[in-house]
Amino acid sequence: MKYYIELTLFDYPDYRMYELWGRLYMQLHLALVEVKDNQDKVNVGVSFPEYHFDEIKQIGALGSKIRLFAQERITLEQLNIRKWLNRLVDYVHISPIFEVPDDIKGYAIYNRVQVKNNAERLARRQLKKHQNLDFEQTVLRYQNIVTTCHLPYISFKSLSSKRPFNLFIEKKEVPPTLNVASFNTYGLGTNCALPEF
């Protein structure tokens, strides 16, 4: 990745930081949906420079910054993030497009972690596939695999289902990779390392 834009969220009394993250990320998601290819992939990845997670205490936070990375400057220009964040201009600073500096601390992958946290929802999904199953028994089976997650997350509402959900984000420090930059419409991926600086 050679170019980036940095977004900085301001902590204002009328919005809590987590509310602002939800509003910003919804708009970012919509912007990325507009530039996706026919396989629902985009060429823009996101990183969280202030991300931290304490595995012992099981607490973490995203911080107040997000970087949008692309291999080519024109990709970020075409994304036109200012247009998508125009209603949040009082709460978010949008930097110009910069070149990634030479003094990089390392590389990281940011990916989505989907948590199995609702046994009834999992059972309903299973019953759609296998209609001969008993609902109560299926719920009991899924109660054993329900998990909780303490990773940093962003809360917002799904546009398709209108249901609230948490987008859990995991950071993995990795060696640099030469994989083709391919991210989902949240800007997250499992195989492309982004520079940390």
N, C-alpha and C. Protein backbone atom coordinates (compact mmCIF):
# COMPACT_ATOMS: atom_id res chain seq x y z
N MET A 1 0.84 -1.18 0.00
CA MET A 1 0.00 0.00 0.00
C MET A 1 0.88 1.24 0.00
N LYS A 2 0.59 2.14 -0.89
CA LYS A 2 1.46 3.30 -1.06
C LYS A 2 0.83 4.63 -0.63
N TYR A 3 -0.50 4.69 -0.53
CA TYR A 3 -1.17 5.96 -0.21
C TYR A 3 -2.20 5.75 0.90
N TYR A 4 -2.46 6.82 1.63
CA TYR A 4 -3.45 6.72 2.70
C TYR A 4 -4.10 8.07 3.00
N ILE A 5 -5.26 7.99 3.61
CA ILE A 5 -5.97 9.13 4.18
C ILE A 5 -6.18 8.80 5.65
N GLU A 6 -5.97 9.77 6.52
CA GLU A 6 -6.20 9.55 7.94
C GLU A 6 -7.42 10.33 8.40
N LEU A 7 -8.32 9.63 9.08
CA LEU A 7 -9.51 10.25 9.66
C LEU A 7 -9.32 10.28 11.17
N THR A 8 -9.56 11.44 11.78
CA THR A 8 -9.44 11.59 13.23
C THR A 8 -10.80 12.00 13.78
N LEU A 9 -11.30 11.22 14.72
CA LEU A 9 -12.59 11.51 15.34
C LEU A 9 -12.37 12.43 16.53
N PHE A 10 -13.21 13.47 16.64
CA PHE A 10 -13.14 14.39 17.77
C PHE A 10 -14.14 13.95 18.82
N ASP A 11 -13.74 14.03 20.08
CA ASP A 11 -14.61 13.67 21.19
C ASP A 11 -15.44 14.89 21.58
N TYR A 12 -16.70 14.92 21.17
CA TYR A 12 -17.60 16.03 21.46
C TYR A 12 -18.66 15.59 22.46
N PRO A 13 -19.17 16.55 23.26
CA PRO A 13 -20.18 16.19 24.26
C PRO A 13 -21.49 15.67 23.65
N ASP A 14 -21.86 16.14 22.46
CA ASP A 14 -23.14 15.71 21.89
C ASP A 14 -23.08 14.33 21.23
N TYR A 15 -21.90 13.77 21.03
CA TYR A 15 -21.73 12.40 20.54
C TYR A 15 -20.69 11.70 21.40
N ARG A 16 -21.04 10.50 21.85
CA ARG A 16 -20.01 9.68 22.49
C ARG A 16 -19.16 9.08 21.39
N MET A 17 -17.94 8.73 21.74
CA MET A 17 -17.01 8.21 20.73
C MET A 17 -17.57 6.97 20.03
N TYR A 18 -18.19 6.06 20.79
CA TYR A 18 -18.71 4.85 20.15
C TYR A 18 -19.86 5.17 19.19
N GLU A 19 -20.66 6.21 19.49
CA GLU A 19 -21.73 6.61 18.56
C GLU A 19 -21.13 7.19 17.28
N LEU A 20 -20.09 7.98 17.46
CA LEU A 20 -19.43 8.59 16.31
C LEU A 20 -18.78 7.51 15.43
N TRP A 21 -18.15 6.51 16.07
CA TRP A 21 -17.59 5.40 15.30
C TRP A 21 -18.67 4.72 14.47
N GLY A 22 -19.84 4.50 15.05
CA GLY A 22 -20.93 3.86 14.33
C GLY A 22 -21.38 4.67 13.13
N ARG A 23 -21.54 5.97 13.31
CA ARG A 23 -21.97 6.84 12.20
C ARG A 23 -20.90 6.91 11.11
N LEU A 24 -19.64 7.07 11.53
CA LEU A 24 -18.55 7.15 10.55
C LEU A 24 -18.44 5.84 9.76
N TYR A 25 -18.48 4.72 10.47
CA TYR A 25 -18.26 3.45 9.80
C TYR A 25 -19.41 3.08 8.87
N MET A 26 -20.62 3.50 9.23
CA MET A 26 -21.75 3.25 8.32
C MET A 26 -21.51 3.98 7.00
N GLN A 27 -21.07 5.23 7.08
CA GLN A 27 -20.81 6.00 5.87
C GLN A 27 -19.63 5.43 5.08
N LEU A 28 -18.59 5.00 5.80
CA LEU A 28 -17.44 4.38 5.14
C LEU A 28 -17.88 3.10 4.42
N HIS A 29 -18.70 2.30 5.09
CA HIS A 29 -19.20 1.06 4.48
C HIS A 29 -19.98 1.37 3.20
N LEU A 30 -20.84 2.39 3.24
CA LEU A 30 -21.60 2.77 2.04
C LEU A 30 -20.68 3.22 0.92
N ALA A 31 -19.64 3.98 1.27
CA ALA A 31 -18.67 4.43 0.26
C ALA A 31 -17.96 3.24 -0.37
N LEU A 32 -17.57 2.26 0.45
CA LEU A 32 -16.87 1.09 -0.07
C LEU A 32 -17.79 0.20 -0.90
N VAL A 33 -19.06 0.14 -0.55
CA VAL A 33 -20.02 -0.62 -1.36
C VAL A 33 -20.10 -0.03 -2.76
N GLU A 34 -20.00 1.29 -2.86
CA GLU A 34 -20.08 1.96 -4.16
C GLU A 34 -18.90 1.62 -5.08
N VAL A 35 -17.75 1.26 -4.50
CA VAL A 35 -16.56 0.99 -5.33
C VAL A 35 -16.19 -0.50 -5.38
N LYS A 36 -17.07 -1.36 -4.88
CA LYS A 36 -16.75 -2.80 -4.89
C LYS A 36 -16.79 -3.36 -6.30
N ASP A 37 -16.09 -4.49 -6.46
CA ASP A 37 -16.12 -5.17 -7.76
C ASP A 37 -17.25 -6.20 -7.77
N ASN A 38 -17.32 -7.01 -8.81
CA ASN A 38 -18.42 -7.98 -8.92
C ASN A 38 -18.29 -9.15 -7.95
N GLN A 39 -17.18 -9.23 -7.22
CA GLN A 39 -17.01 -10.26 -6.19
C GLN A 39 -17.11 -9.65 -4.79
N ASP A 40 -17.67 -8.45 -4.70
CA ASP A 40 -17.86 -7.72 -3.44
C ASP A 40 -16.54 -7.41 -2.74
N LYS A 41 -15.48 -7.21 -3.49
CA LYS A 41 -14.17 -6.85 -2.94
C LYS A 41 -13.84 -5.42 -3.31
N VAL A 42 -13.06 -4.77 -2.45
CA VAL A 42 -12.62 -3.40 -2.72
C VAL A 42 -11.11 -3.32 -2.59
N ASN A 43 -10.53 -2.28 -3.16
CA ASN A 43 -9.08 -2.08 -3.12
C ASN A 43 -8.65 -1.09 -2.05
N VAL A 44 -9.52 -0.85 -1.08
CA VAL A 44 -9.21 0.07 0.02
C VAL A 44 -9.28 -0.71 1.32
N GLY A 45 -8.18 -0.65 2.08
CA GLY A 45 -8.13 -1.31 3.37
C GLY A 45 -8.07 -0.30 4.49
N VAL A 46 -8.52 -0.69 5.68
CA VAL A 46 -8.49 0.22 6.82
C VAL A 46 -7.58 -0.32 7.91
N SER A 47 -6.96 0.63 8.63
CA SER A 47 -6.20 0.28 9.82
C SER A 47 -6.58 1.25 10.93
N PHE A 48 -6.30 0.85 12.13
CA PHE A 48 -6.61 1.63 13.32
C PHE A 48 -5.30 1.86 14.07
N PRO A 49 -4.62 3.00 13.85
CA PRO A 49 -3.29 3.23 14.42
C PRO A 49 -3.25 3.24 15.95
N GLU A 50 -4.37 3.51 16.61
CA GLU A 50 -4.40 3.54 18.08
C GLU A 50 -5.05 2.29 18.67
N TYR A 51 -5.25 1.27 17.85
CA TYR A 51 -5.87 0.02 18.30
C TYR A 51 -5.03 -0.59 19.41
N HIS A 52 -5.71 -1.04 20.46
CA HIS A 52 -5.02 -1.83 21.48
C HIS A 52 -6.00 -2.83 22.09
N PHE A 53 -5.45 -3.99 22.46
CA PHE A 53 -6.25 -5.03 23.09
C PHE A 53 -5.36 -5.76 24.09
N ASP A 54 -5.79 -5.79 25.34
CA ASP A 54 -5.08 -6.48 26.40
C ASP A 54 -5.70 -7.87 26.55
N GLU A 55 -4.97 -8.89 26.12
CA GLU A 55 -5.51 -10.25 26.13
C GLU A 55 -5.73 -10.77 27.54
N ILE A 56 -4.93 -10.32 28.49
CA ILE A 56 -5.09 -10.78 29.87
C ILE A 56 -6.35 -10.18 30.50
N LYS A 57 -6.50 -8.87 30.37
CA LYS A 57 -7.67 -8.19 30.95
C LYS A 57 -8.91 -8.30 30.06
N GLN A 58 -8.71 -8.70 28.80
CA GLN A 58 -9.80 -8.84 27.83
C GLN A 58 -10.55 -7.52 27.61
N ILE A 59 -9.77 -6.44 27.47
CA ILE A 59 -10.36 -5.14 27.13
C ILE A 59 -9.52 -4.49 26.04
N GLY A 60 -10.16 -3.65 25.26
CA GLY A 60 -9.44 -2.97 24.20
C GLY A 60 -10.25 -1.81 23.65
N ALA A 61 -9.64 -1.08 22.74
CA ALA A 61 -10.31 0.06 22.12
C ALA A 61 -9.71 0.31 20.74
N LEU A 62 -10.49 0.96 19.90
CA LEU A 62 -10.03 1.31 18.55
C LEU A 62 -9.24 2.60 18.54
N GLY A 63 -9.42 3.46 19.53
CA GLY A 63 -8.77 4.76 19.54
C GLY A 63 -9.63 5.78 18.82
N SER A 64 -8.99 6.81 18.27
CA SER A 64 -9.75 7.89 17.62
C SER A 64 -9.31 8.12 16.17
N LYS A 65 -8.51 7.21 15.62
CA LYS A 65 -8.02 7.38 14.25
C LYS A 65 -8.28 6.14 13.41
N ILE A 66 -8.47 6.38 12.13
CA ILE A 66 -8.60 5.29 11.16
C ILE A 66 -7.87 5.74 9.90
N ARG A 67 -7.16 4.83 9.28
CA ARG A 67 -6.47 5.14 8.03
C ARG A 67 -7.06 4.30 6.91
N LEU A 68 -7.26 4.95 5.76
CA LEU A 68 -7.74 4.28 4.56
C LEU A 68 -6.56 4.14 3.61
N PHE A 69 -6.21 2.93 3.24
CA PHE A 69 -5.04 2.66 2.40
C PHE A 69 -5.46 2.19 1.01
N ALA A 70 -4.64 2.56 0.04
CA ALA A 70 -4.82 2.07 -1.33
C ALA A 70 -3.46 1.99 -2.01
N GLN A 71 -3.37 1.14 -3.00
CA GLN A 71 -2.13 0.99 -3.75
C GLN A 71 -1.90 2.19 -4.68
N GLU A 72 -2.98 2.76 -5.18
CA GLU A 72 -2.87 3.88 -6.11
C GLU A 72 -3.63 5.09 -5.58
N ARG A 73 -3.10 6.26 -5.80
CA ARG A 73 -3.70 7.52 -5.36
C ARG A 73 -5.12 7.68 -5.93
N ILE A 74 -5.29 7.31 -7.18
CA ILE A 74 -6.60 7.50 -7.83
C ILE A 74 -7.70 6.70 -7.14
N THR A 75 -7.36 5.58 -6.53
CA THR A 75 -8.36 4.78 -5.82
C THR A 75 -8.96 5.57 -4.68
N LEU A 76 -8.11 6.28 -3.92
CA LEU A 76 -8.61 7.10 -2.82
C LEU A 76 -9.35 8.33 -3.33
N GLU A 77 -8.89 8.88 -4.44
CA GLU A 77 -9.60 10.02 -5.03
C GLU A 77 -11.00 9.61 -5.47
N GLN A 78 -11.12 8.45 -6.09
CA GLN A 78 -12.42 7.97 -6.56
C GLN A 78 -13.34 7.60 -5.40
N LEU A 79 -12.77 7.19 -4.29
CA LEU A 79 -13.58 6.88 -3.11
C LEU A 79 -14.33 8.13 -2.63
N ASN A 80 -13.67 9.29 -2.75
CA ASN A 80 -14.29 10.57 -2.40
C ASN A 80 -14.92 10.54 -1.01
N ILE A 81 -14.10 10.21 -0.02
CA ILE A 81 -14.60 10.04 1.34
C ILE A 81 -15.19 11.32 1.92
N ARG A 82 -14.73 12.48 1.48
CA ARG A 82 -15.29 13.75 1.98
C ARG A 82 -16.79 13.85 1.67
N LYS A 83 -17.18 13.38 0.50
CA LYS A 83 -18.60 13.41 0.13
C LYS A 83 -19.41 12.55 1.09
N TRP A 84 -18.90 11.38 1.43
CA TRP A 84 -19.62 10.45 2.28
C TRP A 84 -19.68 10.90 3.74
N LEU A 85 -18.69 11.68 4.15
CA LEU A 85 -18.63 12.13 5.55
C LEU A 85 -19.05 13.58 5.71
N ASN A 86 -19.70 14.16 4.71
CA ASN A 86 -20.01 15.59 4.77
C ASN A 86 -20.90 15.96 5.96
N ARG A 87 -21.75 15.06 6.44
CA ARG A 87 -22.58 15.36 7.61
C ARG A 87 -21.82 15.23 8.92
N LEU A 88 -20.63 14.68 8.87
CA LEU A 88 -19.82 14.49 10.08
C LEU A 88 -18.62 15.43 10.12
N VAL A 89 -18.61 16.44 9.27
CA VAL A 89 -17.44 17.31 9.12
C VAL A 89 -17.07 18.01 10.44
N ASP A 90 -18.02 18.25 11.32
CA ASP A 90 -17.73 18.87 12.61
C ASP A 90 -17.12 17.89 13.61
N TYR A 91 -17.18 16.61 13.32
CA TYR A 91 -16.75 15.59 14.26
C TYR A 91 -15.55 14.78 13.78
N VAL A 92 -15.20 14.92 12.52
CA VAL A 92 -14.12 14.11 11.93
C VAL A 92 -13.20 15.00 11.10
N HIS A 93 -11.90 14.89 11.36
CA HIS A 93 -10.92 15.58 10.51
C HIS A 93 -10.49 14.60 9.43
N ILE A 94 -10.51 15.05 8.19
CA ILE A 94 -10.11 14.22 7.05
C ILE A 94 -8.83 14.80 6.47
N SER A 95 -7.77 14.02 6.51
CA SER A 95 -6.49 14.50 5.98
C SER A 95 -6.51 14.46 4.46
N PRO A 96 -5.57 15.15 3.83
CA PRO A 96 -5.39 14.94 2.39
C PRO A 96 -4.79 13.56 2.15
N ILE A 97 -4.62 13.20 0.90
CA ILE A 97 -3.98 11.92 0.56
C ILE A 97 -2.47 12.09 0.74
N PHE A 98 -1.88 11.17 1.52
CA PHE A 98 -0.44 11.17 1.76
C PHE A 98 0.18 9.91 1.18
N GLU A 99 1.49 9.98 0.90
CA GLU A 99 2.25 8.77 0.59
C GLU A 99 2.62 8.10 1.91
N VAL A 100 2.62 6.79 1.91
CA VAL A 100 3.03 6.04 3.10
C VAL A 100 4.51 6.34 3.35
N PRO A 101 4.88 6.71 4.59
CA PRO A 101 6.28 7.04 4.85
C PRO A 101 7.19 5.82 4.76
N ASP A 102 8.48 6.09 4.65
CA ASP A 102 9.46 5.01 4.56
C ASP A 102 9.72 4.34 5.91
N ASP A 103 9.59 5.10 7.01
CA ASP A 103 9.91 4.57 8.34
C ASP A 103 8.68 3.87 8.94
N ILE A 104 8.49 2.64 8.52
CA ILE A 104 7.35 1.83 8.96
C ILE A 104 7.78 0.98 10.16
N LYS A 105 6.91 0.91 11.19
CA LYS A 105 7.19 0.11 12.38
C LYS A 105 6.94 -1.37 12.17
N GLY A 106 6.03 -1.69 11.27
CA GLY A 106 5.67 -3.08 11.04
C GLY A 106 4.44 -3.15 10.15
N TYR A 107 3.84 -4.34 10.11
CA TYR A 107 2.65 -4.56 9.29
C TYR A 107 1.60 -5.29 10.12
N ALA A 108 0.35 -5.05 9.79
CA ALA A 108 -0.75 -5.70 10.51
C ALA A 108 -1.90 -5.99 9.56
N ILE A 109 -2.65 -7.00 9.92
CA ILE A 109 -3.89 -7.34 9.23
C ILE A 109 -5.02 -7.05 10.19
N TYR A 110 -6.04 -6.37 9.69
CA TYR A 110 -7.25 -6.10 10.47
C TYR A 110 -8.38 -6.90 9.83
N ASN A 111 -8.99 -7.78 10.61
CA ASN A 111 -10.06 -8.58 10.05
C ASN A 111 -11.27 -8.62 10.98
N ARG A 112 -12.39 -8.97 10.37
CA ARG A 112 -13.65 -9.07 11.10
C ARG A 112 -13.71 -10.43 11.79
N VAL A 113 -14.18 -10.42 13.03
CA VAL A 113 -14.41 -11.66 13.77
C VAL A 113 -15.92 -11.78 13.97
N GLN A 114 -16.50 -12.84 13.43
CA GLN A 114 -17.93 -13.05 13.60
C GLN A 114 -18.14 -13.97 14.79
N VAL A 115 -18.93 -13.49 15.73
CA VAL A 115 -19.13 -14.18 17.00
C VAL A 115 -20.44 -14.95 16.97
N LYS A 116 -20.39 -16.19 17.38
CA LYS A 116 -21.61 -17.00 17.50
C LYS A 116 -22.17 -16.75 18.89
N ASN A 117 -23.09 -15.76 19.00
CA ASN A 117 -23.53 -15.34 20.33
C ASN A 117 -25.02 -15.48 20.58
N ASN A 118 -25.76 -16.10 19.69
CA ASN A 118 -27.20 -16.22 19.88
C ASN A 118 -27.63 -17.61 19.43
N ALA A 119 -27.87 -18.49 20.41
CA ALA A 119 -28.20 -19.88 20.10
C ALA A 119 -29.50 -19.99 19.30
N GLU A 120 -30.49 -19.16 19.62
CA GLU A 120 -31.76 -19.24 18.89
C GLU A 120 -31.59 -18.82 17.43
N ARG A 121 -30.81 -17.78 17.18
CA ARG A 121 -30.57 -17.34 15.80
C ARG A 121 -29.84 -18.43 15.02
N LEU A 122 -28.83 -19.04 15.66
CA LEU A 122 -28.10 -20.13 15.00
C LEU A 122 -29.01 -21.32 14.72
N ALA A 123 -29.91 -21.61 15.66
CA ALA A 123 -30.85 -22.72 15.47
C ALA A 123 -31.82 -22.43 14.31
N ARG A 124 -32.33 -21.19 14.24
CA ARG A 124 -33.24 -20.84 13.14
C ARG A 124 -32.54 -20.97 11.79
N ARG A 125 -31.29 -20.54 11.75
CA ARG A 125 -30.53 -20.65 10.50
C ARG A 125 -30.38 -22.13 10.10
N GLN A 126 -30.09 -22.98 11.09
CA GLN A 126 -29.93 -24.41 10.82
C GLN A 126 -31.24 -25.04 10.36
N LEU A 127 -32.36 -24.59 10.96
CA LEU A 127 -33.67 -25.14 10.59
C LEU A 127 -34.06 -24.76 9.16
N LYS A 128 -33.57 -23.64 8.66
CA LYS A 128 -33.85 -23.28 7.27
C LYS A 128 -33.20 -24.27 6.31
N LYS A 129 -32.04 -24.78 6.72
CA LYS A 129 -31.33 -25.75 5.88
C LYS A 129 -31.87 -27.17 6.05
N HIS A 130 -32.22 -27.50 7.30
CA HIS A 130 -32.66 -28.86 7.63
C HIS A 130 -33.99 -28.77 8.35
N GLN A 131 -35.08 -28.82 7.63
CA GLN A 131 -36.40 -28.59 8.20
C GLN A 131 -36.90 -29.74 9.06
N ASN A 132 -36.24 -30.87 9.04
CA ASN A 132 -36.68 -32.02 9.82
C ASN A 132 -36.16 -31.99 11.27
N LEU A 133 -35.41 -30.97 11.66
CA LEU A 133 -34.86 -30.88 13.01
C LEU A 133 -35.88 -30.28 13.97
N ASP A 134 -35.71 -30.59 15.25
CA ASP A 134 -36.55 -30.02 16.30
C ASP A 134 -35.90 -28.72 16.81
N PHE A 135 -36.69 -27.65 16.91
CA PHE A 135 -36.15 -26.34 17.28
C PHE A 135 -35.50 -26.37 18.67
N GLU A 136 -36.18 -26.91 19.67
CA GLU A 136 -35.65 -26.90 21.04
C GLU A 136 -34.33 -27.68 21.14
N GLN A 137 -34.28 -28.83 20.48
CA GLN A 137 -33.05 -29.62 20.52
C GLN A 137 -31.91 -28.89 19.80
N THR A 138 -32.24 -28.21 18.72
CA THR A 138 -31.22 -27.47 17.98
C THR A 138 -30.69 -26.31 18.82
N VAL A 139 -31.58 -25.62 19.53
CA VAL A 139 -31.15 -24.53 20.43
C VAL A 139 -30.23 -25.08 21.50
N LEU A 140 -30.59 -26.21 22.10
CA LEU A 140 -29.74 -26.80 23.14
C LEU A 140 -28.36 -27.16 22.60
N ARG A 141 -28.32 -27.68 21.39
CA ARG A 141 -27.04 -28.04 20.78
C ARG A 141 -26.16 -26.79 20.59
N TYR A 142 -26.79 -25.70 20.14
CA TYR A 142 -26.02 -24.48 19.87
C TYR A 142 -25.63 -23.72 21.13
N GLN A 143 -26.30 -23.96 22.25
CA GLN A 143 -25.93 -23.27 23.48
C GLN A 143 -24.52 -23.64 23.93
N ASN A 144 -24.05 -24.79 23.52
CA ASN A 144 -22.70 -25.22 23.89
C ASN A 144 -21.62 -24.50 23.10
N ILE A 145 -21.96 -23.93 21.94
CA ILE A 145 -20.93 -23.29 21.13
C ILE A 145 -21.05 -21.77 21.09
N VAL A 146 -22.03 -21.22 21.83
CA VAL A 146 -22.17 -19.77 21.89
C VAL A 146 -20.94 -19.19 22.56
N THR A 147 -20.38 -18.14 21.96
CA THR A 147 -19.16 -17.54 22.50
C THR A 147 -19.37 -16.05 22.76
N THR A 148 -18.49 -15.51 23.56
CA THR A 148 -18.47 -14.06 23.77
C THR A 148 -17.15 -13.53 23.22
N CYS A 149 -17.14 -12.25 22.94
CA CYS A 149 -15.96 -11.65 22.36
C CYS A 149 -15.69 -10.32 23.05
N HIS A 150 -14.44 -10.07 23.38
CA HIS A 150 -14.06 -8.84 24.05
C HIS A 150 -13.20 -7.94 23.17
N LEU A 151 -13.07 -8.29 21.90
CA LEU A 151 -12.29 -7.46 20.98
C LEU A 151 -12.96 -6.10 20.81
N PRO A 152 -12.19 -5.08 20.42
CA PRO A 152 -12.81 -3.79 20.09
C PRO A 152 -13.82 -3.96 18.96
N TYR A 153 -14.88 -3.18 19.02
CA TYR A 153 -15.93 -3.31 18.01
C TYR A 153 -16.58 -1.96 17.71
N ILE A 154 -17.32 -1.95 16.61
CA ILE A 154 -18.11 -0.80 16.21
C ILE A 154 -19.55 -1.27 16.12
N SER A 155 -20.46 -0.54 16.78
CA SER A 155 -21.88 -0.89 16.76
C SER A 155 -22.61 -0.05 15.72
N PHE A 156 -23.36 -0.70 14.87
CA PHE A 156 -24.26 0.02 13.98
C PHE A 156 -25.35 -0.91 13.49
N LYS A 157 -26.22 -0.40 12.66
CA LYS A 157 -27.39 -1.13 12.22
C LYS A 157 -27.19 -1.63 10.79
N SER A 158 -27.55 -2.87 10.55
CA SER A 158 -27.49 -3.43 9.21
C SER A 158 -28.53 -2.75 8.34
N LEU A 159 -28.12 -2.30 7.17
CA LEU A 159 -29.07 -1.68 6.25
C LEU A 159 -30.02 -2.71 5.64
N SER A 160 -29.56 -3.94 5.49
CA SER A 160 -30.41 -4.96 4.87
C SER A 160 -31.43 -5.52 5.86
N SER A 161 -31.01 -5.87 7.07
CA SER A 161 -31.93 -6.49 8.04
C SER A 161 -32.50 -5.48 9.04
N LYS A 162 -31.94 -4.29 9.09
CA LYS A 162 -32.35 -3.24 10.04
C LYS A 162 -32.07 -3.61 11.49
N ARG A 163 -31.27 -4.64 11.70
CA ARG A 163 -30.94 -5.08 13.06
C ARG A 163 -29.59 -4.51 13.48
N PRO A 164 -29.46 -4.17 14.76
CA PRO A 164 -28.15 -3.71 15.24
C PRO A 164 -27.17 -4.89 15.31
N PHE A 165 -25.91 -4.59 15.07
CA PHE A 165 -24.89 -5.62 15.24
C PHE A 165 -23.56 -4.97 15.57
N ASN A 166 -22.68 -5.78 16.12
CA ASN A 166 -21.34 -5.33 16.47
C ASN A 166 -20.35 -5.90 15.46
N LEU A 167 -19.53 -5.02 14.92
CA LEU A 167 -18.48 -5.41 13.99
C LEU A 167 -17.19 -5.54 14.82
N PHE A 168 -16.86 -6.77 15.24
CA PHE A 168 -15.67 -7.02 16.05
C PHE A 168 -14.45 -7.01 15.14
N ILE A 169 -13.40 -6.33 15.59
CA ILE A 169 -12.20 -6.15 14.76
C ILE A 169 -10.98 -6.69 15.50
N GLU A 170 -10.26 -7.56 14.82
CA GLU A 170 -9.05 -8.17 15.37
C GLU A 170 -7.84 -7.66 14.60
N LYS A 171 -6.77 -7.41 15.33
CA LYS A 171 -5.51 -6.98 14.71
C LYS A 171 -4.48 -8.09 14.90
N LYS A 172 -3.79 -8.43 13.80
CA LYS A 172 -2.71 -9.41 13.86
C LYS A 172 -1.47 -8.77 13.26
N GLU A 173 -0.40 -8.72 14.03
CA GLU A 173 0.86 -8.21 13.50
C GLU A 173 1.50 -9.32 12.68
N VAL A 174 1.93 -8.97 11.47
CA VAL A 174 2.42 -9.97 10.52
C VAL A 174 3.61 -9.42 9.76
N PRO A 175 4.38 -10.30 9.10
CA PRO A 175 5.42 -9.80 8.19
C PRO A 175 4.75 -9.23 6.95
N PRO A 176 5.46 -8.40 6.20
CA PRO A 176 4.85 -7.83 4.99
C PRO A 176 4.49 -8.94 4.00
N THR A 177 3.38 -8.76 3.32
CA THR A 177 2.96 -9.74 2.32
C THR A 177 2.84 -9.05 0.97
N LEU A 178 2.95 -9.81 -0.06
CA LEU A 178 2.84 -9.27 -1.41
C LEU A 178 1.51 -9.65 -2.05
N ASN A 179 0.54 -10.02 -1.22
CA ASN A 179 -0.76 -10.41 -1.75
C ASN A 179 -1.45 -9.22 -2.41
N VAL A 180 -2.31 -9.53 -3.34
CA VAL A 180 -3.11 -8.49 -3.98
C VAL A 180 -4.05 -7.91 -2.94
N ALA A 181 -4.13 -6.59 -2.89
CA ALA A 181 -4.98 -5.93 -1.91
C ALA A 181 -6.44 -6.21 -2.23
N SER A 182 -7.09 -6.95 -1.35
CA SER A 182 -8.49 -7.30 -1.55
C SER A 182 -9.17 -7.28 -0.19
N PHE A 183 -10.13 -6.40 -0.03
CA PHE A 183 -10.79 -6.21 1.25
C PHE A 183 -12.30 -6.33 1.06
N ASN A 184 -13.00 -6.57 2.17
CA ASN A 184 -14.46 -6.59 2.09
C ASN A 184 -15.00 -5.16 2.15
N THR A 185 -16.30 -5.02 2.14
CA THR A 185 -16.89 -3.67 2.10
C THR A 185 -16.87 -2.97 3.45
N TYR A 186 -16.16 -3.54 4.41
CA TYR A 186 -15.85 -2.85 5.66
C TYR A 186 -14.39 -2.41 5.67
N GLY A 187 -13.66 -2.70 4.59
CA GLY A 187 -12.25 -2.35 4.51
C GLY A 187 -11.35 -3.31 5.25
N LEU A 188 -11.90 -4.45 5.67
CA LEU A 188 -11.15 -5.44 6.45
C LEU A 188 -10.81 -6.62 5.55
N GLY A 189 -9.71 -7.28 5.86
CA GLY A 189 -9.28 -8.42 5.06
C GLY A 189 -8.52 -9.41 5.91
N THR A 190 -8.26 -10.57 5.35
CA THR A 190 -7.54 -11.60 6.10
C THR A 190 -6.17 -11.90 5.51
N ASN A 191 -5.84 -11.29 4.37
CA ASN A 191 -4.60 -11.69 3.71
C ASN A 191 -3.72 -10.54 3.23
N CYS A 192 -4.06 -9.31 3.54
CA CYS A 192 -3.25 -8.19 3.06
C CYS A 192 -2.76 -7.35 4.24
N ALA A 193 -1.46 -7.32 4.41
CA ALA A 193 -0.86 -6.58 5.52
C ALA A 193 -0.81 -5.09 5.19
N LEU A 194 -1.17 -4.29 6.17
CA LEU A 194 -1.14 -2.84 6.03
C LEU A 194 0.00 -2.27 6.86
N PRO A 195 0.65 -1.21 6.38
CA PRO A 195 1.78 -0.65 7.12
C PRO A 195 1.34 0.04 8.41
N GLU A 196 2.15 -0.12 9.44
CA GLU A 196 1.93 0.53 10.73
C GLU A 196 3.02 1.58 10.91
N PHE A 197 2.62 2.79 11.23
CA PHE A 197 3.59 3.87 11.47
C PHE A 197 3.00 4.89 12.41
